[in-house]
């Protein structure tokens, strides 16, 4: 998803859908019938037991648990004061404050998880519209013999200012994935993933992508895995040429112990365009993530990724490379310090008359953030943060330097 110029508020768990009230015929028996018995506490308990299936005491002790389902409400308030934002390309606004209120609920059981988080955004500047964003996610997983299956879907509706568009941009996205893991033997396993990505925007380049990735894995040891993967994909755009691609990748997963985890993958992507005047592409792709915990209070992380896809602006493709590093340090008891930095480079390509893909615009975004957080009243969290972002763009209208300060309060039941 395109990156926002505002640091997005993290959602506790993974955002879902609220339950509807039970049908009338499932509610407790009514006391309004003719010649009603006296509503003694014993009678109330008996009737409640009929409704709750004998789990009355369990419900009274924990009203957020009902049978196999657990309900976990949560809420977050975030205040950000920022400078250096563009309300449209080339137009920088005065310092702006953003208030974000995010109530939410998580419903989960052994095999299913549902989360829903709405976010109300209130800007102090009239150059930005106040909005209501939505984040919904659903996940299910189940195992049968040597097979493990999982199905997940995420829906996001937002109107954040984006680096790519240089303006506040309403958009909706759907991300759906169906995966299966088959353990053939102690040494050999297979992974299959079918995914769909839908990006929908007003008056911009909406797109839909379907892809399939198949991996064959060799478990060299309990600590090391090697894999090779192949898979096709197809992207349909509102504007510009539709695209077909095939990927060939290799990967290594190395976990020598609880302190170190290394995951590397890389390969090539062959991309073809439906436009007969466009030339095919051969693109390198890769990803990497490293986590190192030398001692319990300290964790280092490093990641890198390169991908190719459809752009939001005009009939373009985008090639993006991101490198990031982070540090998480427990200072004293429940106080934590987080430092995170990243560098990304994005090239937006247009077709030339000769069929080549010429670079129409290049962005280089550098950002880092510092956060100090702690727990409050066991279930609450409080944090203060500072973030700086800078975009050096070949198109001056998309260049900006931004500083953001703020705090966040959260509570989870």
Foldseek 3Di string as FASTA:
>chain_A
DFDFPDDDDDDDPAAFDDDDDDDPVLDFDDQPDPPGDDPDPVNVVVSVCVNLVNCVVVCVVPVQDRPQKGKKKKKKKWKKWKAWAFQAQQRGDGIKIKIKIKIKMWMDGPFKIKHKIKIWIDMPDPSDDTDIKIKIKMKGWDDDDQKIKMKMKIKIWAQGQGLQGSHGWTKIKMKIKIKMKGDPDPFKIKIKMWIKIWIDTPPWKTKIKIKIKIKIWTPPDPFKIKIKMKMKMWMDIPAAWTKIKIWIKIKMWGDPDPFKTKIKMWGWMWMDTPPPLADIDIDIWIKIKMWGDPDDFKIKIKMKTWDKAAGGHHGWIKIKIKIKIKMWGDDDDFKIKIKMKMKMKMFIWDADSNNYTDGPKIKIKIKMKIKIKGADPNFKIKMWMKMWMFIDMPRNSSTITMIMTIMMIMGMD
